[in-house]
Every structure is written in C-alpha cells, then in structure tokens.
C-alpha cells in the first residue's frame, strides 16, 4: 500500500517542480520580450541579404523583392512556437528555478531593460563585425583548404 502512495507522490513532486520552472521560464521570456528578440535576430540577418544582393548585382527593387522573400519565409515558414519550446528546454536544462528568478529580477531593472532593448542592434553589429573579419581572412581559409581539396580531388 505504501509503495502505491509513494510513487504518485514522487511523480507529483517532480511534476510541480518542473511546472514551477516552466512557469518561471515563461515569465522570463515575457520579461525578455522573447518574440521581439527573435524578430531582432531576423533583422540581424538582413546585412547578409544586403551582401547577397550586392554579389548578385541586384538593383534596389530586386533587393527589396529578395528581402520580401526572406521576410515571408520567416513569418510564414519558421515555426517560432517550436523554437521557443526548444529554447525553453535549453534554459530549463541549464538554469534552476532560483536562477531563472534571478535573471527575471535583472531584466526587470533599468539596466536589464536597456540590455534587452539594445540586444538586437548589438547582435546585428556583432554579426557584421564577424562577417567583416571572416571576409578579411577568407584568403587564409582558402590557403588552408587548398591542400585538402588537392588531396581529395581524385575521389
């Protein structure tokens, strides 16, 4: 009889702990304006489309058309709910409920709000810095790849 009672109690305790953490993560995502952060991530990708437009020698109308295709893809094809669910699992696996609550407290401060407000622009500029450095060192990658391609060209 005791065994029958203990298993459901353990399950309930574990479930309520996981539920509390999920609720905290949901609250954190709300405070973080995670949907807006995801949109900012998309906007950070736009310089790549600008670069592609330049490489393809598109005029401004064609460039806008290309950006429209990417926006439609993002808005209609990307399953943001699925992404959010997976990201929540990541947070749940890394942070305790208490740590999530600490993160929420930070994001509720003026500094935390400024961090959230500025993050999309920082991501965009960071991506541009990384792209520029990659372009500047592209010749080194080419030099490093050359022996590999020579070694494997007969296969």
Protein backbone atom coordinates (compact mmCIF):
# COMPACT_ATOMS: atom_id res chain seq x y z
CA UNK A 1 0.00 0.00 0.00
CA UNK A 2 2.77 2.43 0.94
CA UNK A 3 4.56 1.77 -2.36
CA UNK A 4 1.41 2.68 -4.24
CA UNK A 5 1.21 6.03 -2.46
CA UNK A 6 4.89 6.90 -2.69
CA UNK A 7 5.21 6.66 -6.47
CA UNK A 8 2.35 9.11 -7.22
CA UNK A 9 3.68 11.49 -4.56
CA UNK A 10 7.17 11.43 -6.09
CA UNK A 11 5.69 11.98 -9.55
CA UNK A 12 3.60 14.93 -8.29
CA UNK A 13 6.60 16.48 -6.56
CA UNK A 14 8.74 16.18 -9.67
CA UNK A 15 5.96 17.47 -11.89
CA UNK A 16 5.27 20.51 -9.73
CA UNK A 17 8.98 21.35 -9.65
CA UNK A 18 9.22 21.13 -13.44
CA UNK A 19 5.99 23.11 -13.78
CA UNK A 20 7.33 25.86 -11.48
CA UNK A 21 10.48 26.06 -13.57
CA UNK A 22 8.45 26.18 -16.79
CA UNK A 23 6.30 28.95 -15.34
CA UNK A 24 9.43 30.87 -14.35
CA UNK A 25 10.87 30.44 -17.85
CA UNK A 26 7.59 31.62 -19.37
CA UNK A 27 7.73 34.67 -17.11
CA UNK A 28 11.36 35.28 -18.05
CA UNK A 29 10.53 35.06 -21.76
CA UNK A 30 7.75 37.57 -21.26
CA UNK A 31 10.03 39.99 -19.40
CA UNK A 32 12.66 39.49 -22.10
CA UNK A 33 10.12 40.12 -24.88
CA UNK A 34 11.48 36.97 -26.46
CA UNK A 35 9.28 37.31 -29.55
CA UNK A 36 10.82 40.74 -30.16
CA UNK A 37 14.28 39.30 -29.53
CA UNK A 38 13.66 36.64 -32.16
CA UNK A 39 12.50 39.28 -34.63
CA UNK A 40 15.68 41.20 -33.81
CA UNK A 41 17.66 38.09 -34.67
CA UNK A 42 15.98 38.05 -38.05
CA UNK A 43 16.75 41.73 -38.56
CA UNK A 44 20.38 40.96 -37.68
CA UNK A 45 20.39 38.62 -40.68
CA UNK A 46 19.41 41.38 -43.14
CA UNK A 47 23.02 42.54 -43.75
CA UNK A 48 23.67 39.05 -45.14
CA UNK A 49 20.84 39.63 -47.60
CA UNK A 50 22.37 43.02 -48.48
CA UNK A 51 25.67 41.26 -49.16
CA UNK A 52 23.92 38.63 -51.26
CA UNK A 53 22.15 41.39 -53.18
CA UNK A 54 25.49 43.03 -53.91
CA UNK A 55 27.02 39.73 -55.05
CA UNK A 56 24.05 39.11 -57.32
CA UNK A 57 24.24 42.70 -58.59
CA UNK A 58 20.57 43.31 -57.79
CA UNK A 59 19.02 46.73 -58.19
CA UNK A 60 17.12 48.19 -55.23
CA UNK A 61 13.77 46.84 -56.43
CA UNK A 62 15.20 43.33 -56.78
CA UNK A 63 16.90 43.65 -53.39
CA UNK A 64 13.56 44.58 -51.78
CA UNK A 65 11.95 41.62 -53.53
CA UNK A 66 14.66 39.32 -52.13
CA UNK A 67 14.17 40.74 -48.63
CA UNK A 68 10.43 40.19 -49.06
CA UNK A 69 11.05 36.53 -49.82
CA UNK A 70 13.15 36.19 -46.68
CA UNK A 71 10.52 38.04 -44.59
CA UNK A 72 7.75 35.78 -45.92
CA UNK A 73 9.89 32.73 -45.16
CA UNK A 74 10.49 33.98 -41.61
CA UNK A 75 6.88 34.99 -40.99
CA UNK A 76 5.14 32.02 -42.64
CA UNK A 77 7.52 29.08 -42.59
CA UNK A 78 9.62 29.37 -39.45
CA UNK A 79 7.85 27.68 -36.54
CA UNK A 80 8.63 30.20 -33.83
CA UNK A 81 6.49 28.34 -31.28
CA UNK A 82 8.64 25.25 -31.84
CA UNK A 83 11.81 27.32 -31.49
CA UNK A 84 10.52 28.89 -28.26
CA UNK A 85 9.63 25.47 -26.87
CA UNK A 86 13.09 24.12 -27.65
CA UNK A 87 14.82 27.20 -26.23
CA UNK A 88 12.75 26.88 -23.04
CA UNK A 89 14.02 23.31 -22.72
CA UNK A 90 17.57 24.60 -23.08
CA UNK A 91 17.05 27.15 -20.30
CA UNK A 92 15.39 24.51 -18.11
CA UNK A 93 18.39 22.23 -18.58
CA UNK A 94 20.91 24.92 -17.71
CA UNK A 95 19.29 27.06 -15.01
CA UNK A 96 17.50 26.23 -11.79
CA UNK A 97 14.18 27.84 -10.92
CA UNK A 98 16.00 30.13 -8.48
CA UNK A 99 18.48 31.20 -11.15
CA UNK A 100 15.65 31.89 -13.59
CA UNK A 101 14.04 34.11 -10.95
CA UNK A 102 17.36 35.98 -10.54
CA UNK A 103 17.52 36.51 -14.31
CA UNK A 104 13.96 37.84 -14.26
CA UNK A 105 14.90 40.29 -11.49
CA UNK A 106 17.83 41.54 -13.59
CA UNK A 107 15.72 42.01 -16.70
CA UNK A 108 13.19 43.98 -14.66
CA UNK A 109 15.86 46.53 -13.70
CA UNK A 110 16.52 49.59 -15.88
CA UNK A 111 19.88 48.07 -16.88
CA UNK A 112 18.22 44.78 -17.79
CA UNK A 113 15.59 46.58 -19.86
CA UNK A 114 18.29 48.57 -21.64
CA UNK A 115 20.17 45.33 -22.31
CA UNK A 116 17.05 43.82 -23.87
CA UNK A 117 16.33 46.96 -25.87
CA UNK A 118 19.85 47.16 -27.28
CA UNK A 119 20.43 43.43 -27.82
CA UNK A 120 19.00 43.20 -31.36
CA UNK A 121 21.19 46.08 -32.58
CA UNK A 122 24.21 44.64 -30.79
CA UNK A 123 23.54 41.24 -32.42
CA UNK A 124 23.29 42.91 -35.82
CA UNK A 125 26.51 44.86 -35.37
CA UNK A 126 28.28 41.82 -33.91
CA UNK A 127 27.27 39.75 -36.93
CA UNK A 128 28.64 42.47 -39.22
CA UNK A 129 31.93 42.53 -37.30
CA UNK A 130 32.20 38.74 -37.58
CA UNK A 131 31.35 38.80 -41.29
CA UNK A 132 33.91 41.51 -41.95
CA UNK A 133 36.64 39.61 -40.11
CA UNK A 134 35.72 36.43 -41.98
CA UNK A 135 35.92 38.29 -45.30
CA UNK A 136 39.26 39.83 -44.33
CA UNK A 137 40.69 36.39 -43.54
CA UNK A 138 38.93 34.45 -46.32
CA UNK A 139 42.20 34.09 -48.22
CA UNK A 140 43.73 32.29 -45.23
CA UNK A 141 40.86 29.81 -45.22
CA UNK A 142 41.34 29.31 -48.93
CA UNK A 143 45.05 28.63 -48.33
CA UNK A 144 44.19 26.11 -45.62
CA UNK A 145 41.57 24.37 -47.77
CA UNK A 146 43.77 24.10 -50.86
CA UNK A 147 45.79 21.07 -49.65
CA UNK A 148 42.58 19.33 -48.57
CA UNK A 149 40.98 19.78 -51.99
CA UNK A 150 44.16 18.68 -53.76
CA UNK A 151 44.34 15.59 -51.57
CA UNK A 152 40.71 14.63 -52.21
CA UNK A 153 40.17 15.72 -55.82
CA UNK A 154 40.75 12.21 -57.19
CA UNK A 155 37.95 10.70 -55.14
